[in-house]
Amino acid sequence: MSHEPPRIGELFPELTGELVDLLHAEGENDLAASVPFLRLTQWCECQDSFCKSFYTAPPPQGKYGPHHRCVALLPDSGMIILDVVLGEIQYVEILDRPSLS
């Protein structure tokens, strides 16, 4: 029996809505449509108190490679940067924002 990681749309509905809105504002409509279905596969392991980042796919071994791009969003507070590989969000970097729990 396989156990899929939880969807961020179920775990963090407010963050999910914010990400969708911010992506639409940047014209990233395809990414926005995918956000509710992203799965939290692993938390960032840096242990910095200001970091609430997480992976939505297994972390890469080294760098993401040539098909990687960063999408910096403009939230009201803190920073949100998405690592996108081949059109899919792989990592959500969340810095200097309140806890997600």
N, C-alpha and C. Protein backbone atom coordinates (compact mmCIF):
# COMPACT_ATOMS: atom_id res chain seq x y z
N MET A 1 0.84 -1.16 0.00
CA MET A 1 0.00 0.00 0.00
C MET A 1 0.90 1.24 0.00
N SER A 2 0.68 2.15 -0.96
CA SER A 2 1.51 3.36 -1.02
C SER A 2 0.84 4.48 -0.23
N HIS A 3 1.67 5.25 0.40
CA HIS A 3 1.19 6.38 1.18
C HIS A 3 1.71 7.66 0.53
N GLU A 4 0.81 8.48 0.00
CA GLU A 4 1.22 9.72 -0.63
C GLU A 4 1.35 10.82 0.41
N PRO A 5 2.33 11.69 0.23
CA PRO A 5 2.46 12.83 1.15
C PRO A 5 1.22 13.73 1.07
N PRO A 6 0.94 14.48 2.12
CA PRO A 6 -0.25 15.34 2.12
C PRO A 6 -0.13 16.50 1.14
N ARG A 7 -1.26 16.94 0.64
CA ARG A 7 -1.29 18.09 -0.27
C ARG A 7 -1.20 19.38 0.55
N ILE A 8 -0.45 20.34 0.01
CA ILE A 8 -0.33 21.60 0.75
C ILE A 8 -1.66 22.34 0.79
N GLY A 9 -2.53 22.09 -0.19
CA GLY A 9 -3.86 22.71 -0.18
C GLY A 9 -4.68 22.29 1.03
N GLU A 10 -4.45 21.07 1.50
CA GLU A 10 -5.16 20.58 2.68
C GLU A 10 -4.45 21.03 3.96
N LEU A 11 -3.13 21.06 3.94
CA LEU A 11 -2.35 21.43 5.13
C LEU A 11 -2.38 22.92 5.41
N PHE A 12 -2.22 23.71 4.36
CA PHE A 12 -2.06 25.16 4.51
C PHE A 12 -2.97 25.91 3.53
N PRO A 13 -4.28 25.94 3.79
CA PRO A 13 -5.18 26.57 2.82
C PRO A 13 -4.91 28.06 2.61
N GLU A 14 -4.52 28.78 3.65
CA GLU A 14 -4.25 30.22 3.48
C GLU A 14 -3.02 30.44 2.60
N LEU A 15 -1.95 29.69 2.87
CA LEU A 15 -0.75 29.80 2.04
C LEU A 15 -1.06 29.41 0.60
N THR A 16 -1.83 28.36 0.43
CA THR A 16 -2.18 27.90 -0.92
C THR A 16 -2.89 29.00 -1.69
N GLY A 17 -3.88 29.63 -1.06
CA GLY A 17 -4.59 30.73 -1.71
C GLY A 17 -3.67 31.88 -2.05
N GLU A 18 -2.77 32.21 -1.13
CA GLU A 18 -1.82 33.28 -1.36
C GLU A 18 -0.90 32.95 -2.54
N LEU A 19 -0.37 31.73 -2.57
CA LEU A 19 0.50 31.33 -3.68
C LEU A 19 -0.24 31.42 -5.02
N VAL A 20 -1.47 30.94 -5.05
CA VAL A 20 -2.26 31.00 -6.28
C VAL A 20 -2.42 32.45 -6.74
N ASP A 21 -2.80 33.34 -5.82
CA ASP A 21 -2.99 34.75 -6.16
C ASP A 21 -1.69 35.39 -6.64
N LEU A 22 -0.60 35.12 -5.93
CA LEU A 22 0.69 35.71 -6.30
C LEU A 22 1.17 35.21 -7.66
N LEU A 23 0.95 33.95 -7.94
CA LEU A 23 1.34 33.40 -9.24
C LEU A 23 0.50 33.98 -10.37
N HIS A 24 -0.80 34.13 -10.15
CA HIS A 24 -1.64 34.78 -11.16
C HIS A 24 -1.16 36.20 -11.43
N ALA A 25 -0.78 36.92 -10.36
CA ALA A 25 -0.30 38.30 -10.51
C ALA A 25 0.97 38.36 -11.36
N GLU A 26 1.75 37.29 -11.36
CA GLU A 26 2.98 37.22 -12.16
C GLU A 26 2.74 36.62 -13.54
N GLY A 27 1.49 36.27 -13.85
CA GLY A 27 1.18 35.67 -15.15
C GLY A 27 1.54 34.20 -15.24
N GLU A 28 1.77 33.57 -14.08
CA GLU A 28 2.17 32.16 -14.02
C GLU A 28 0.92 31.29 -13.77
N ASN A 29 -0.02 31.34 -14.69
CA ASN A 29 -1.31 30.70 -14.50
C ASN A 29 -1.24 29.18 -14.41
N ASP A 30 -0.37 28.55 -15.19
CA ASP A 30 -0.23 27.09 -15.13
C ASP A 30 0.31 26.66 -13.77
N LEU A 31 1.31 27.39 -13.27
CA LEU A 31 1.83 27.07 -11.94
C LEU A 31 0.76 27.30 -10.88
N ALA A 32 0.01 28.38 -11.01
CA ALA A 32 -1.06 28.68 -10.04
C ALA A 32 -2.06 27.54 -9.96
N ALA A 33 -2.41 26.97 -11.10
CA ALA A 33 -3.39 25.88 -11.13
C ALA A 33 -2.87 24.63 -10.44
N SER A 34 -1.55 24.46 -10.39
CA SER A 34 -0.98 23.26 -9.79
C SER A 34 -0.84 23.34 -8.27
N VAL A 35 -0.86 24.53 -7.71
CA VAL A 35 -0.54 24.72 -6.29
C VAL A 35 -1.39 23.88 -5.34
N PRO A 36 -2.73 23.85 -5.46
CA PRO A 36 -3.51 23.07 -4.49
C PRO A 36 -3.19 21.58 -4.47
N PHE A 37 -2.57 21.10 -5.53
CA PHE A 37 -2.29 19.67 -5.66
C PHE A 37 -0.86 19.29 -5.31
N LEU A 38 -0.02 20.29 -5.01
CA LEU A 38 1.35 20.00 -4.62
C LEU A 38 1.36 19.23 -3.32
N ARG A 39 2.34 18.36 -3.18
CA ARG A 39 2.46 17.55 -1.97
C ARG A 39 3.71 17.95 -1.19
N LEU A 40 3.58 18.00 0.11
CA LEU A 40 4.72 18.31 0.96
C LEU A 40 5.50 17.01 1.15
N THR A 41 6.62 16.90 0.44
CA THR A 41 7.40 15.67 0.50
C THR A 41 8.48 15.71 1.56
N GLN A 42 8.98 16.94 1.87
CA GLN A 42 10.04 17.04 2.86
C GLN A 42 10.21 18.51 3.25
N TRP A 43 10.43 18.75 4.54
CA TRP A 43 10.76 20.09 5.02
C TRP A 43 12.22 20.37 4.72
N CYS A 44 12.55 21.65 4.59
CA CYS A 44 13.94 22.07 4.49
C CYS A 44 14.63 21.65 5.79
N GLU A 45 15.86 21.20 5.67
CA GLU A 45 16.59 20.70 6.83
C GLU A 45 17.57 21.71 7.41
N CYS A 46 17.50 22.97 6.99
CA CYS A 46 18.49 23.96 7.43
C CYS A 46 18.36 24.30 8.92
N GLN A 47 17.19 24.17 9.49
CA GLN A 47 16.91 24.45 10.90
C GLN A 47 17.05 25.93 11.27
N ASP A 48 17.09 26.82 10.29
CA ASP A 48 17.07 28.25 10.59
C ASP A 48 15.67 28.65 11.03
N SER A 49 15.57 29.45 12.07
CA SER A 49 14.25 29.80 12.62
C SER A 49 13.41 30.62 11.65
N PHE A 50 14.03 31.31 10.72
CA PHE A 50 13.30 32.15 9.77
C PHE A 50 12.86 31.39 8.52
N CYS A 51 13.22 30.11 8.41
CA CYS A 51 12.94 29.31 7.23
C CYS A 51 11.76 28.38 7.47
N LYS A 52 10.77 28.44 6.59
CA LYS A 52 9.60 27.55 6.61
C LYS A 52 9.47 26.84 5.26
N SER A 53 10.60 26.63 4.60
CA SER A 53 10.62 26.10 3.23
C SER A 53 10.38 24.60 3.20
N PHE A 54 9.90 24.12 2.04
CA PHE A 54 9.64 22.69 1.89
C PHE A 54 9.73 22.26 0.43
N TYR A 55 9.97 20.97 0.24
CA TYR A 55 10.02 20.35 -1.07
C TYR A 55 8.65 19.80 -1.43
N THR A 56 8.35 19.87 -2.72
CA THR A 56 7.12 19.27 -3.23
C THR A 56 7.44 18.10 -4.15
N ALA A 57 8.70 17.76 -4.20
CA ALA A 57 9.22 16.60 -4.95
C ALA A 57 10.50 16.20 -4.24
N PRO A 58 10.99 15.02 -4.48
CA PRO A 58 12.26 14.64 -3.83
C PRO A 58 13.36 15.65 -4.14
N PRO A 59 14.18 15.99 -3.14
CA PRO A 59 15.27 16.94 -3.38
C PRO A 59 16.26 16.40 -4.41
N PRO A 60 16.85 17.30 -5.17
CA PRO A 60 17.83 16.84 -6.16
C PRO A 60 19.13 16.42 -5.50
N GLN A 61 19.88 15.62 -6.20
CA GLN A 61 21.25 15.29 -5.78
C GLN A 61 22.14 16.36 -6.39
N GLY A 62 22.42 17.40 -5.65
CA GLY A 62 23.19 18.54 -6.19
C GLY A 62 22.25 19.61 -6.70
N LYS A 63 22.61 20.21 -7.83
CA LYS A 63 21.83 21.30 -8.41
C LYS A 63 20.66 20.76 -9.22
N TYR A 64 19.67 21.63 -9.46
CA TYR A 64 18.51 21.23 -10.25
C TYR A 64 18.83 20.99 -11.72
N GLY A 65 19.76 21.72 -12.30
CA GLY A 65 20.14 21.49 -13.68
C GLY A 65 19.59 22.53 -14.64
N PRO A 66 19.73 22.25 -15.94
CA PRO A 66 19.45 23.26 -16.96
C PRO A 66 17.97 23.62 -17.14
N HIS A 67 17.06 22.80 -16.69
CA HIS A 67 15.64 23.07 -16.89
C HIS A 67 15.00 23.72 -15.66
N HIS A 68 15.85 24.31 -14.82
CA HIS A 68 15.42 24.94 -13.57
C HIS A 68 15.27 26.45 -13.75
N ARG A 69 14.26 27.00 -13.10
CA ARG A 69 14.14 28.45 -13.01
C ARG A 69 13.56 28.81 -11.66
N CYS A 70 13.86 30.00 -11.21
CA CYS A 70 13.32 30.52 -9.95
C CYS A 70 12.20 31.50 -10.27
N VAL A 71 11.14 31.41 -9.50
CA VAL A 71 10.04 32.36 -9.62
C VAL A 71 9.93 33.07 -8.27
N ALA A 72 10.34 34.32 -8.24
CA ALA A 72 10.27 35.13 -7.02
C ALA A 72 8.91 35.81 -6.98
N LEU A 73 8.20 35.61 -5.87
CA LEU A 73 6.88 36.21 -5.70
C LEU A 73 6.99 37.42 -4.79
N LEU A 74 5.94 38.23 -4.75
CA LEU A 74 5.95 39.47 -3.98
C LEU A 74 4.87 39.46 -2.91
N PRO A 75 5.06 38.68 -1.84
CA PRO A 75 4.07 38.65 -0.76
C PRO A 75 4.12 39.94 0.06
N ASP A 76 3.09 40.16 0.88
CA ASP A 76 3.05 41.34 1.74
C ASP A 76 4.14 41.31 2.80
N SER A 77 4.56 40.11 3.21
CA SER A 77 5.63 40.01 4.21
C SER A 77 6.55 38.85 3.84
N GLY A 78 7.80 38.97 4.22
CA GLY A 78 8.76 37.91 3.98
C GLY A 78 9.08 37.71 2.52
N MET A 79 9.61 36.53 2.23
CA MET A 79 10.00 36.17 0.86
C MET A 79 9.44 34.80 0.51
N ILE A 80 9.01 34.67 -0.73
CA ILE A 80 8.59 33.38 -1.28
C ILE A 80 9.24 33.25 -2.65
N ILE A 81 10.03 32.19 -2.81
CA ILE A 81 10.69 31.91 -4.08
C ILE A 81 10.43 30.45 -4.41
N LEU A 82 10.01 30.21 -5.64
CA LEU A 82 9.71 28.85 -6.08
C LEU A 82 10.81 28.35 -7.00
N ASP A 83 11.24 27.12 -6.80
CA ASP A 83 12.12 26.45 -7.74
C ASP A 83 11.24 25.60 -8.64
N VAL A 84 11.31 25.90 -9.93
CA VAL A 84 10.47 25.23 -10.92
C VAL A 84 11.38 24.46 -11.88
N VAL A 85 11.06 23.19 -12.07
CA VAL A 85 11.83 22.34 -12.97
C VAL A 85 10.86 21.72 -13.98
N LEU A 86 11.14 21.96 -15.25
CA LEU A 86 10.29 21.43 -16.33
C LEU A 86 8.81 21.77 -16.10
N GLY A 87 8.56 23.00 -15.65
CA GLY A 87 7.20 23.48 -15.48
C GLY A 87 6.50 23.02 -14.22
N GLU A 88 7.22 22.37 -13.31
CA GLU A 88 6.61 21.90 -12.06
C GLU A 88 7.34 22.49 -10.85
N ILE A 89 6.57 22.94 -9.88
CA ILE A 89 7.14 23.48 -8.65
C ILE A 89 7.75 22.33 -7.86
N GLN A 90 9.04 22.46 -7.55
CA GLN A 90 9.77 21.42 -6.83
C GLN A 90 10.09 21.81 -5.40
N TYR A 91 10.18 23.12 -5.15
CA TYR A 91 10.60 23.61 -3.84
C TYR A 91 9.95 24.96 -3.61
N VAL A 92 9.42 25.16 -2.40
CA VAL A 92 8.80 26.42 -2.01
C VAL A 92 9.66 27.00 -0.90
N GLU A 93 10.39 28.05 -1.22
CA GLU A 93 11.25 28.71 -0.24
C GLU A 93 10.46 29.83 0.43
N ILE A 94 10.30 29.71 1.73
CA ILE A 94 9.53 30.68 2.51
C ILE A 94 10.43 31.18 3.63
N LEU A 95 10.71 32.47 3.59
CA LEU A 95 11.64 33.06 4.56
C LEU A 95 11.02 34.26 5.25
N ASP A 96 11.34 34.42 6.53
CA ASP A 96 10.91 35.57 7.32
C ASP A 96 9.39 35.76 7.32
N ARG A 97 8.69 34.67 7.55
CA ARG A 97 7.23 34.71 7.62
C ARG A 97 6.78 33.93 8.85
N PRO A 98 5.53 34.15 9.27
CA PRO A 98 5.03 33.39 10.43
C PRO A 98 4.99 31.89 10.16
N SER A 99 4.88 31.14 11.22
CA SER A 99 4.82 29.68 11.13
C SER A 99 3.66 29.23 10.25
N LEU A 100 3.83 28.08 9.61
CA LEU A 100 2.78 27.52 8.77
C LEU A 100 1.84 26.61 9.56
N SER A 101 2.19 26.24 10.77
CA SER A 101 1.37 25.28 11.51
C SER A 101 0.12 25.91 12.07
